[in-house]
Amino acid sequence: MLPIHNSYTANPPATDHQIVHIEHRLNCQLPSAYTLVLKESNGLSFTNGVFIYGTEEVIERNQTWEVEEYAKGYIAIGDDSGGMVFLMDIKAEDYRVLAVDSGDMNPKHATLITCDFYKWLQEGCQY
């Protein structure tokens, strides 16, 4: 699942306990695609500035962006280090990634980045 080129830095895998902790703290089930990525790497940092949150960052970022209030039904899974936040629908089998301005956070104003989270990661998170 992880990218096939060297344009990223990966952390060690997340534990099941860390993933369950996120779900408990955020009161949601994580999208299965995101969960599988966390089990391979507890956070990814790409040379283009894209950061896919690990278990520590995802809680803090979702609270900071107030995702539960402004993007109910979604979870922030990363950002571009420039004001755009990447959202995934918390439906278990939805692999789409949306980008929304951190000052807006309304999924209705988001742009569809990809329909395939894994493919997007493998291609270096270009958007």
C-alpha atoms as a PDB file:
ATOM      1  CA  MET A   1       0.000   0.000   0.000  1.00  0.00           C
ATOM      2  CA  LEU A   2       2.796   2.416   0.781  1.00  0.00           C
ATOM      3  CA  PRO A   3       4.326   4.475  -2.037  1.00  0.00           C
ATOM      4  CA  ILE A   4       6.632   2.725  -4.438  1.00  0.00           C
ATOM      5  CA  HIS A   5       9.174   5.549  -4.656  1.00  0.00           C
ATOM      6  CA  ASN A   6      11.342   7.421  -2.148  1.00  0.00           C
ATOM      7  CA  SER A   7       9.325  10.641  -1.879  1.00  0.00           C
ATOM      8  CA  TYR A   8       8.190   9.992   1.692  1.00  0.00           C
ATOM      9  CA  THR A   9       9.222   9.153   5.229  1.00  0.00           C
ATOM     10  CA  ALA A  10       7.230   6.483   7.078  1.00  0.00           C
ATOM     11  CA  ASN A  11       6.921   5.929  10.808  1.00  0.00           C
ATOM     12  CA  PRO A  12       6.785   2.448  12.379  1.00  0.00           C
ATOM     13  CA  PRO A  13       3.336   0.783  12.265  1.00  0.00           C
ATOM     14  CA  ALA A  14       0.558   1.750  14.686  1.00  0.00           C
ATOM     15  CA  THR A  15      -0.619  -0.841  17.167  1.00  0.00           C
ATOM     16  CA  ASP A  16      -4.199  -2.068  17.381  1.00  0.00           C
ATOM     17  CA  HIS A  17      -4.383  -0.389  20.797  1.00  0.00           C
ATOM     18  CA  GLN A  18      -3.402   2.989  19.295  1.00  0.00           C
ATOM     19  CA  ILE A  19      -6.048   2.645  16.581  1.00  0.00           C
ATOM     20  CA  VAL A  20      -8.796   1.672  19.051  1.00  0.00           C
ATOM     21  CA  HIS A  21      -7.755   4.642  21.201  1.00  0.00           C
ATOM     22  CA  ILE A  22      -8.325   7.025  18.249  1.00  0.00           C
ATOM     23  CA  GLU A  23     -11.736   5.549  17.523  1.00  0.00           C
ATOM     24  CA  HIS A  24     -12.702   5.902  21.182  1.00  0.00           C
ATOM     25  CA  ARG A  25     -11.418   9.484  21.483  1.00  0.00           C
ATOM     26  CA  LEU A  26     -13.007  10.606  18.198  1.00  0.00           C
ATOM     27  CA  ASN A  27     -16.148   8.538  18.777  1.00  0.00           C
ATOM     28  CA  CYS A  28     -16.094   6.996  15.300  1.00  0.00           C
ATOM     29  CA  GLN A  29     -14.852   3.997  13.396  1.00  0.00           C
ATOM     30  CA  LEU A  30     -11.953   4.907  11.155  1.00  0.00           C
ATOM     31  CA  PRO A  31     -12.267   4.258   7.418  1.00  0.00           C
ATOM     32  CA  SER A  32     -10.828   0.814   6.738  1.00  0.00           C
ATOM     33  CA  ALA A  33      -8.411   2.178   4.123  1.00  0.00           C
ATOM     34  CA  TYR A  34      -6.930   4.629   6.629  1.00  0.00           C
ATOM     35  CA  THR A  35      -6.745   1.930   9.325  1.00  0.00           C
ATOM     36  CA  LEU A  36      -4.760  -0.353   7.008  1.00  0.00           C
ATOM     37  CA  VAL A  37      -2.317   2.453   6.236  1.00  0.00           C
ATOM     38  CA  LEU A  38      -1.841   3.145   9.968  1.00  0.00           C
ATOM     39  CA  LYS A  39      -1.022  -0.551  10.435  1.00  0.00           C
ATOM     40  CA  GLU A  40       1.793  -0.121   7.896  1.00  0.00           C
ATOM     41  CA  SER A  41       2.966   3.313   9.017  1.00  0.00           C
ATOM     42  CA  ASN A  42       1.850   5.452  11.932  1.00  0.00           C
ATOM     43  CA  GLY A  43       2.125   8.626   9.858  1.00  0.00           C
ATOM     44  CA  LEU A  44       3.658   9.508   6.507  1.00  0.00           C
ATOM     45  CA  SER A  45       5.469  12.656   5.434  1.00  0.00           C
ATOM     46  CA  PHE A  46       5.906  13.378   1.710  1.00  0.00           C
ATOM     47  CA  THR A  47       8.516  15.628   0.093  1.00  0.00           C
ATOM     48  CA  ASN A  48       5.699  17.677  -1.507  1.00  0.00           C
ATOM     49  CA  GLY A  49       4.517  18.777   1.971  1.00  0.00           C
ATOM     50  CA  VAL A  50       1.654  16.302   2.329  1.00  0.00           C
ATOM     51  CA  PHE A  51       1.424  14.766   5.770  1.00  0.00           C
ATOM     52  CA  ILE A  52      -0.789  11.752   6.532  1.00  0.00           C
ATOM     53  CA  TYR A  53      -1.519  11.838  10.242  1.00  0.00           C
ATOM     54  CA  GLY A  54      -0.399   9.141  12.622  1.00  0.00           C
ATOM     55  CA  THR A  55      -2.311   8.191  15.747  1.00  0.00           C
ATOM     56  CA  GLU A  56      -1.009  11.107  17.818  1.00  0.00           C
ATOM     57  CA  GLU A  57      -1.666  13.803  15.233  1.00  0.00           C
ATOM     58  CA  VAL A  58      -5.074  12.602  14.051  1.00  0.00           C
ATOM     59  CA  ILE A  59      -6.718  13.213  17.436  1.00  0.00           C
ATOM     60  CA  GLU A  60      -5.149  16.635  17.931  1.00  0.00           C
ATOM     61  CA  ARG A  61      -5.788  17.780  14.355  1.00  0.00           C
ATOM     62  CA  ASN A  62      -9.434  16.664  14.337  1.00  0.00           C
ATOM     63  CA  GLN A  63     -10.005  18.517  17.597  1.00  0.00           C
ATOM     64  CA  THR A  64      -8.167  21.630  16.361  1.00  0.00           C
ATOM     65  CA  TRP A  65     -10.038  21.711  13.037  1.00  0.00           C
ATOM     66  CA  GLU A  66     -13.305  20.938  14.933  1.00  0.00           C
ATOM     67  CA  VAL A  67     -14.062  18.293  12.324  1.00  0.00           C
ATOM     68  CA  GLU A  68     -16.894  16.737  14.321  1.00  0.00           C
ATOM     69  CA  GLU A  69     -18.735  20.071  14.265  1.00  0.00           C
ATOM     70  CA  TYR A  70     -17.911  21.436  10.807  1.00  0.00           C
ATOM     71  CA  ALA A  71     -17.421  18.226   8.802  1.00  0.00           C
ATOM     72  CA  LYS A  72     -19.660  15.746  10.615  1.00  0.00           C
ATOM     73  CA  GLY A  73     -19.303  12.235   9.203  1.00  0.00           C
ATOM     74  CA  TYR A  74     -15.714  12.883   8.087  1.00  0.00           C
ATOM     75  CA  ILE A  75     -12.269  12.560   9.619  1.00  0.00           C
ATOM     76  CA  ALA A  76      -9.210  14.679   8.826  1.00  0.00           C
ATOM     77  CA  ILE A  77      -6.459  12.243   7.846  1.00  0.00           C
ATOM     78  CA  GLY A  78      -3.795  14.697   6.704  1.00  0.00           C
ATOM     79  CA  ASP A  79      -2.907  18.098   5.312  1.00  0.00           C
ATOM     80  CA  ASP A  80      -0.682  19.708   2.707  1.00  0.00           C
ATOM     81  CA  SER A  81       1.310  21.935   5.098  1.00  0.00           C
ATOM     82  CA  GLY A  82      -0.275  24.921   3.359  1.00  0.00           C
ATOM     83  CA  GLY A  83      -3.832  25.229   4.638  1.00  0.00           C
ATOM     84  CA  MET A  84      -5.595  22.372   2.882  1.00  0.00           C
ATOM     85  CA  VAL A  85      -6.938  19.505   4.998  1.00  0.00           C
ATOM     86  CA  PHE A  86      -7.589  16.015   3.630  1.00  0.00           C
ATOM     87  CA  LEU A  87     -10.870  14.425   4.713  1.00  0.00           C
ATOM     88  CA  MET A  88     -12.222  10.902   4.421  1.00  0.00           C
ATOM     89  CA  ASP A  89     -15.806   9.852   4.968  1.00  0.00           C
ATOM     90  CA  ILE A  90     -16.002   7.628   8.024  1.00  0.00           C
ATOM     91  CA  LYS A  91     -17.979   5.026   6.062  1.00  0.00           C
ATOM     92  CA  ALA A  92     -15.898   1.878   6.308  1.00  0.00           C
ATOM     93  CA  GLU A  93     -15.493   1.189   2.599  1.00  0.00           C
ATOM     94  CA  ASP A  94     -15.190   4.727   1.221  1.00  0.00           C
ATOM     95  CA  TYR A  95     -11.700   5.257  -0.255  1.00  0.00           C
ATOM     96  CA  ARG A  96     -12.274   8.841  -1.472  1.00  0.00           C
ATOM     97  CA  VAL A  97     -10.130  11.704  -0.226  1.00  0.00           C
ATOM     98  CA  LEU A  98     -11.385  15.289  -0.264  1.00  0.00           C
ATOM     99  CA  ALA A  99      -9.375  18.491   0.184  1.00  0.00           C
ATOM    100  CA  VAL A 100     -10.921  21.437   2.000  1.00  0.00           C
ATOM    101  CA  ASP A 101      -9.520  24.755   3.185  1.00  0.00           C
ATOM    102  CA  SER A 102      -8.757  24.637   6.906  1.00  0.00           C
ATOM    103  CA  GLY A 103     -10.623  27.922   7.352  1.00  0.00           C
ATOM    104  CA  ASP A 104     -13.807  26.464   5.860  1.00  0.00           C
ATOM    105  CA  MET A 105     -13.918  22.739   6.726  1.00  0.00           C
ATOM    106  CA  ASN A 106     -17.300  22.313   5.004  1.00  0.00           C
ATOM    107  CA  PRO A 107     -17.225  19.099   2.929  1.00  0.00           C
ATOM    108  CA  LYS A 108     -19.711  20.720   0.531  1.00  0.00           C
ATOM    109  CA  HIS A 109     -16.897  23.101  -0.454  1.00  0.00           C
ATOM    110  CA  ALA A 110     -14.262  20.379  -0.744  1.00  0.00           C
ATOM    111  CA  THR A 111     -12.550  19.147  -3.882  1.00  0.00           C
ATOM    112  CA  LEU A 112     -12.375  15.432  -4.654  1.00  0.00           C
ATOM    113  CA  ILE A 113      -8.680  14.510  -4.736  1.00  0.00           C
ATOM    114  CA  THR A 114      -9.009  10.797  -5.435  1.00  0.00           C
ATOM    115  CA  CYS A 115     -11.481   7.935  -5.360  1.00  0.00           C
ATOM    116  CA  ASP A 116      -8.678   5.545  -4.365  1.00  0.00           C
ATOM    117  CA  PHE A 117      -6.731   6.435  -1.198  1.00  0.00           C
ATOM    118  CA  TYR A 118      -4.176   3.643  -1.782  1.00  0.00           C
ATOM    119  CA  LYS A 119      -3.435   4.680  -5.355  1.00  0.00           C
ATOM    120  CA  TRP A 120      -3.068   8.318  -4.274  1.00  0.00           C
ATOM    121  CA  LEU A 121      -0.526   7.296  -1.625  1.00  0.00           C
ATOM    122  CA  GLN A 122       1.391   5.112  -4.070  1.00  0.00           C
ATOM    123  CA  GLU A 123       1.596   8.035  -6.502  1.00  0.00           C
ATOM    124  CA  GLY A 124       3.099  10.320  -3.861  1.00  0.00           C
ATOM    125  CA  CYS A 125      -0.080  12.203  -2.858  1.00  0.00           C
ATOM    126  CA  GLN A 126      -0.093  14.504  -5.871  1.00  0.00           C
ATOM    127  CA  TYR A 127      -3.091  16.803  -6.214  1.00  0.00           C
END
